[in-house]
Amino acid sequence: MEELDIAKRRAMHLIGGRDYGRNELIEKLKNNYSEKTAVTVAEMMCEYGYIDDDRYAEKLARQYITVKKYGKSRAAAMMRRKLLETETIEAALEKYSKDDITAEIAGILRKKYSDRLFQSGIEGKKEMQKIIAALARRGYSYNDIKSALYIVKDDMNEEDY
């Protein structure tokens, strides 16, 4: 059997297991086949409709933003690991507005940190810094975190009345 046919079978096997982006499939195939063969097979998979970077990026964005609750920057970093193009990543993430992200952060604050929010004194300030740092590690921007904190604080003040 010719290398191209074997590489196509391998690509079909890989795609059957999970979604791949074009560049990610090329890198995976280059482990066993020549670069020319890997690129040719990846192009064929794109032509057949088995690989679509835009569709894959949208799926990953939904997974990272709504399921794993990552911020846009961390989601973009995870998507870059999948060897997606920057334009494709940006297009997939632009669906998620600032309001969506702020609401997501506010939900996390209410669910996970409600008992530790807005405490008084130095300990309260240190605790708030820890919470902000934890959210920043998830990939949320400081401005988005700050907006969500204002929303949660307003909600908490309304509940007091």
C-alpha atoms as a PDB file:
ATOM      1  CA  MET A   1       0.000   0.000   0.000  1.00  0.00           C
ATOM      2  CA  GLU A   2       1.201   3.491  -0.819  1.00  0.00           C
ATOM      3  CA  GLU A   3       2.223   5.931   1.941  1.00  0.00           C
ATOM      4  CA  LEU A   4      -0.594   8.331   1.007  1.00  0.00           C
ATOM      5  CA  ASP A   5      -3.252   5.632   1.429  1.00  0.00           C
ATOM      6  CA  ILE A   6      -1.821   4.540   4.768  1.00  0.00           C
ATOM      7  CA  ALA A   7      -1.664   8.160   5.938  1.00  0.00           C
ATOM      8  CA  LYS A   8      -5.307   8.695   4.897  1.00  0.00           C
ATOM      9  CA  ARG A   9      -6.363   5.664   6.917  1.00  0.00           C
ATOM     10  CA  ARG A  10      -4.415   6.956   9.898  1.00  0.00           C
ATOM     11  CA  ALA A  11      -6.021  10.392   9.554  1.00  0.00           C
ATOM     12  CA  MET A  12      -9.500   8.855   9.389  1.00  0.00           C
ATOM     13  CA  HIS A  13      -8.705   6.830  12.500  1.00  0.00           C
ATOM     14  CA  LEU A  14      -7.505   9.945  14.339  1.00  0.00           C
ATOM     15  CA  ILE A  15     -10.507  12.037  13.259  1.00  0.00           C
ATOM     16  CA  GLY A  16     -12.825   9.234  14.316  1.00  0.00           C
ATOM     17  CA  GLY A  17     -11.519   9.542  17.859  1.00  0.00           C
ATOM     18  CA  ARG A  18     -11.891  13.317  18.288  1.00  0.00           C
ATOM     19  CA  ASP A  19     -11.916  16.573  16.353  1.00  0.00           C
ATOM     20  CA  TYR A  20      -8.694  17.981  14.974  1.00  0.00           C
ATOM     21  CA  GLY A  21      -7.684  21.242  13.384  1.00  0.00           C
ATOM     22  CA  ARG A  22      -5.793  21.207  10.091  1.00  0.00           C
ATOM     23  CA  ASN A  23      -2.407  22.134  11.551  1.00  0.00           C
ATOM     24  CA  GLU A  24      -2.847  19.804  14.506  1.00  0.00           C
ATOM     25  CA  LEU A  25      -3.559  16.886  12.169  1.00  0.00           C
ATOM     26  CA  ILE A  26      -0.509  17.745  10.067  1.00  0.00           C
ATOM     27  CA  GLU A  27       1.718  17.711  13.158  1.00  0.00           C
ATOM     28  CA  LYS A  28       0.240  14.406  14.288  1.00  0.00           C
ATOM     29  CA  LEU A  29       0.756  12.808  10.861  1.00  0.00           C
ATOM     30  CA  LYS A  30       4.306  14.161  10.551  1.00  0.00           C
ATOM     31  CA  ASN A  31       5.280  11.815  13.393  1.00  0.00           C
ATOM     32  CA  ASN A  32       4.919   8.863  11.000  1.00  0.00           C
ATOM     33  CA  TYR A  33       4.867  10.278   7.469  1.00  0.00           C
ATOM     34  CA  SER A  34       6.666  12.853   5.375  1.00  0.00           C
ATOM     35  CA  GLU A  35       5.615  16.489   5.656  1.00  0.00           C
ATOM     36  CA  LYS A  36       4.388  16.496   2.061  1.00  0.00           C
ATOM     37  CA  THR A  37       2.170  13.471   2.709  1.00  0.00           C
ATOM     38  CA  ALA A  38       0.870  14.942   5.980  1.00  0.00           C
ATOM     39  CA  VAL A  39      -0.075  18.242   4.320  1.00  0.00           C
ATOM     40  CA  THR A  40      -1.695  16.463   1.362  1.00  0.00           C
ATOM     41  CA  VAL A  41      -3.777  14.225   3.610  1.00  0.00           C
ATOM     42  CA  ALA A  42      -4.845  17.155   5.827  1.00  0.00           C
ATOM     43  CA  GLU A  43      -5.933  19.098   2.737  1.00  0.00           C
ATOM     44  CA  MET A  44      -7.936  16.080   1.580  1.00  0.00           C
ATOM     45  CA  MET A  45      -9.659  15.848   4.962  1.00  0.00           C
ATOM     46  CA  CYS A  46     -10.559  19.540   4.702  1.00  0.00           C
ATOM     47  CA  GLU A  47     -11.954  19.038   1.189  1.00  0.00           C
ATOM     48  CA  TYR A  48     -14.052  16.089   2.354  1.00  0.00           C
ATOM     49  CA  GLY A  49     -15.431  18.251   5.168  1.00  0.00           C
ATOM     50  CA  TYR A  50     -14.019  16.068   7.930  1.00  0.00           C
ATOM     51  CA  ILE A  51     -11.914  18.955   9.217  1.00  0.00           C
ATOM     52  CA  ASP A  52     -13.169  22.506   9.542  1.00  0.00           C
ATOM     53  CA  ASP A  53     -10.999  24.836  11.617  1.00  0.00           C
ATOM     54  CA  ASP A  54     -13.811  27.370  12.104  1.00  0.00           C
ATOM     55  CA  ARG A  55     -16.235  24.750  13.393  1.00  0.00           C
ATOM     56  CA  TYR A  56     -13.516  23.235  15.601  1.00  0.00           C
ATOM     57  CA  ALA A  57     -12.599  26.660  17.026  1.00  0.00           C
ATOM     58  CA  GLU A  58     -16.250  27.412  17.847  1.00  0.00           C
ATOM     59  CA  LYS A  59     -16.578  24.066  19.605  1.00  0.00           C
ATOM     60  CA  LEU A  60     -13.419  24.687  21.625  1.00  0.00           C
ATOM     61  CA  ALA A  61     -14.502  28.236  22.495  1.00  0.00           C
ATOM     62  CA  ARG A  62     -17.852  26.980  23.776  1.00  0.00           C
ATOM     63  CA  GLN A  63     -16.085  24.248  25.767  1.00  0.00           C
ATOM     64  CA  TYR A  64     -13.558  26.585  27.355  1.00  0.00           C
ATOM     65  CA  ILE A  65     -15.835  29.594  27.983  1.00  0.00           C
ATOM     66  CA  THR A  66     -19.153  28.051  29.010  1.00  0.00           C
ATOM     67  CA  VAL A  67     -18.205  24.628  30.346  1.00  0.00           C
ATOM     68  CA  LYS A  68     -14.778  25.103  31.895  1.00  0.00           C
ATOM     69  CA  LYS A  69     -15.500  28.763  32.709  1.00  0.00           C
ATOM     70  CA  TYR A  70     -12.186  30.096  31.398  1.00  0.00           C
ATOM     71  CA  GLY A  71     -11.696  33.712  30.476  1.00  0.00           C
ATOM     72  CA  LYS A  72     -11.047  34.720  26.888  1.00  0.00           C
ATOM     73  CA  SER A  73      -7.283  34.953  27.292  1.00  0.00           C
ATOM     74  CA  ARG A  74      -6.945  31.470  28.756  1.00  0.00           C
ATOM     75  CA  ALA A  75      -9.370  30.053  26.189  1.00  0.00           C
ATOM     76  CA  ALA A  76      -7.298  31.635  23.414  1.00  0.00           C
ATOM     77  CA  ALA A  77      -4.095  30.194  24.875  1.00  0.00           C
ATOM     78  CA  MET A  78      -5.643  26.725  25.034  1.00  0.00           C
ATOM     79  CA  MET A  79      -6.828  27.067  21.446  1.00  0.00           C
ATOM     80  CA  ARG A  80      -3.350  28.132  20.314  1.00  0.00           C
ATOM     81  CA  ARG A  81      -2.070  24.874  21.793  1.00  0.00           C
ATOM     82  CA  LYS A  82      -4.353  23.159  19.295  1.00  0.00           C
ATOM     83  CA  LEU A  83      -2.418  25.000  16.549  1.00  0.00           C
ATOM     84  CA  LEU A  84      -5.376  27.070  15.359  1.00  0.00           C
ATOM     85  CA  GLU A  85      -4.749  30.300  13.472  1.00  0.00           C
ATOM     86  CA  THR A  86      -5.061  33.558  15.437  1.00  0.00           C
ATOM     87  CA  GLU A  87      -7.822  34.891  13.161  1.00  0.00           C
ATOM     88  CA  THR A  88      -9.834  31.697  13.620  1.00  0.00           C
ATOM     89  CA  ILE A  89      -9.477  31.896  17.399  1.00  0.00           C
ATOM     90  CA  GLU A  90     -10.499  35.558  17.503  1.00  0.00           C
ATOM     91  CA  ALA A  91     -13.534  34.895  15.306  1.00  0.00           C
ATOM     92  CA  ALA A  92     -14.674  32.054  17.552  1.00  0.00           C
ATOM     93  CA  LEU A  93     -14.215  34.074  20.748  1.00  0.00           C
ATOM     94  CA  GLU A  94     -15.838  37.296  19.526  1.00  0.00           C
ATOM     95  CA  LYS A  95     -19.266  35.698  20.019  1.00  0.00           C
ATOM     96  CA  TYR A  96     -18.760  35.985  23.764  1.00  0.00           C
ATOM     97  CA  SER A  97     -19.446  39.588  24.706  1.00  0.00           C
ATOM     98  CA  LYS A  98     -18.137  41.470  27.698  1.00  0.00           C
ATOM     99  CA  ASP A  99     -21.574  41.154  29.318  1.00  0.00           C
ATOM    100  CA  ASP A 100     -21.532  37.360  28.916  1.00  0.00           C
ATOM    101  CA  ILE A 101     -18.081  37.144  30.474  1.00  0.00           C
ATOM    102  CA  THR A 102     -19.006  39.513  33.314  1.00  0.00           C
ATOM    103  CA  ALA A 103     -22.140  37.482  34.056  1.00  0.00           C
ATOM    104  CA  GLU A 104     -20.034  34.303  34.050  1.00  0.00           C
ATOM    105  CA  ILE A 105     -17.590  35.812  36.558  1.00  0.00           C
ATOM    106  CA  ALA A 106     -20.455  37.070  38.732  1.00  0.00           C
ATOM    107  CA  GLY A 107     -21.872  33.540  38.780  1.00  0.00           C
ATOM    108  CA  ILE A 108     -18.517  32.139  39.869  1.00  0.00           C
ATOM    109  CA  LEU A 109     -18.214  34.793  42.575  1.00  0.00           C
ATOM    110  CA  ARG A 110     -21.681  34.010  43.932  1.00  0.00           C
ATOM    111  CA  LYS A 111     -21.224  30.253  43.813  1.00  0.00           C
ATOM    112  CA  LYS A 112     -17.646  29.817  44.958  1.00  0.00           C
ATOM    113  CA  TYR A 113     -16.627  32.928  46.855  1.00  0.00           C
ATOM    114  CA  SER A 114     -19.818  34.435  48.319  1.00  0.00           C
ATOM    115  CA  ASP A 115     -18.802  33.771  51.915  1.00  0.00           C
ATOM    116  CA  ARG A 116     -15.402  35.447  51.426  1.00  0.00           C
ATOM    117  CA  LEU A 117     -16.432  38.537  49.463  1.00  0.00           C
ATOM    118  CA  PHE A 118     -16.357  42.082  50.820  1.00  0.00           C
ATOM    119  CA  GLN A 119     -15.031  41.346  54.288  1.00  0.00           C
ATOM    120  CA  SER A 120     -13.737  44.303  56.226  1.00  0.00           C
ATOM    121  CA  GLY A 121     -10.215  45.003  57.363  1.00  0.00           C
ATOM    122  CA  ILE A 122      -6.843  43.827  56.173  1.00  0.00           C
ATOM    123  CA  GLU A 123      -7.879  40.175  56.101  1.00  0.00           C
ATOM    124  CA  GLY A 124     -10.810  41.056  53.842  1.00  0.00           C
ATOM    125  CA  LYS A 125      -8.534  42.953  51.499  1.00  0.00           C
ATOM    126  CA  LYS A 126      -6.087  40.030  51.332  1.00  0.00           C
ATOM    127  CA  GLU A 127      -8.951  37.636  50.673  1.00  0.00           C
ATOM    128  CA  MET A 128     -10.233  39.854  47.843  1.00  0.00           C
ATOM    129  CA  GLN A 129      -6.745  39.908  46.295  1.00  0.00           C
ATOM    130  CA  LYS A 130      -6.666  36.104  46.414  1.00  0.00           C
ATOM    131  CA  ILE A 131     -10.060  35.887  44.721  1.00  0.00           C
ATOM    132  CA  ILE A 132      -9.045  38.341  42.001  1.00  0.00           C
ATOM    133  CA  ALA A 133      -5.786  36.446  41.431  1.00  0.00           C
ATOM    134  CA  ALA A 134      -7.672  33.133  41.166  1.00  0.00           C
ATOM    135  CA  LEU A 135     -10.012  34.598  38.559  1.00  0.00           C
ATOM    136  CA  ALA A 136      -7.095  36.144  36.668  1.00  0.00           C
ATOM    137  CA  ARG A 137      -5.441  32.720  36.491  1.00  0.00           C
ATOM    138  CA  ARG A 138      -8.608  31.455  34.845  1.00  0.00           C
ATOM    139  CA  GLY A 139      -7.972  34.002  32.088  1.00  0.00           C
ATOM    140  CA  TYR A 140     -10.372  36.780  33.039  1.00  0.00           C
ATOM    141  CA  SER A 141      -9.226  40.368  32.595  1.00  0.00           C
ATOM    142  CA  TYR A 142      -9.004  42.662  35.587  1.00  0.00           C
ATOM    143  CA  ASN A 143     -11.638  44.993  34.104  1.00  0.00           C
ATOM    144  CA  ASP A 144     -14.092  42.111  33.680  1.00  0.00           C
ATOM    145  CA  ILE A 145     -13.433  40.926  37.241  1.00  0.00           C
ATOM    146  CA  LYS A 146     -13.933  44.445  38.588  1.00  0.00           C
ATOM    147  CA  SER A 147     -17.217  44.821  36.678  1.00  0.00           C
ATOM    148  CA  ALA A 148     -18.467  41.495  38.047  1.00  0.00           C
ATOM    149  CA  LEU A 149     -17.497  42.496  41.588  1.00  0.00           C
ATOM    150  CA  TYR A 150     -19.591  45.676  41.257  1.00  0.00           C
ATOM    151  CA  ILE A 151     -22.562  43.641  40.025  1.00  0.00           C
ATOM    152  CA  VAL A 152     -22.289  41.147  42.889  1.00  0.00           C
ATOM    153  CA  LYS A 153     -21.857  43.936  45.443  1.00  0.00           C
ATOM    154  CA  ASP A 154     -24.950  45.714  44.111  1.00  0.00           C
ATOM    155  CA  ASP A 155     -26.912  42.457  44.281  1.00  0.00           C
ATOM    156  CA  MET A 156     -25.772  41.862  47.857  1.00  0.00           C
ATOM    157  CA  ASN A 157     -26.752  45.425  48.863  1.00  0.00           C
ATOM    158  CA  GLU A 158     -30.214  44.960  47.307  1.00  0.00           C
ATOM    159  CA  GLU A 159     -30.718  41.743  49.282  1.00  0.00           C
ATOM    160  CA  ASP A 160     -30.062  43.612  52.521  1.00  0.00           C
ATOM    161  CA  TYR A 161     -33.156  45.771  51.983  1.00  0.00           C
END
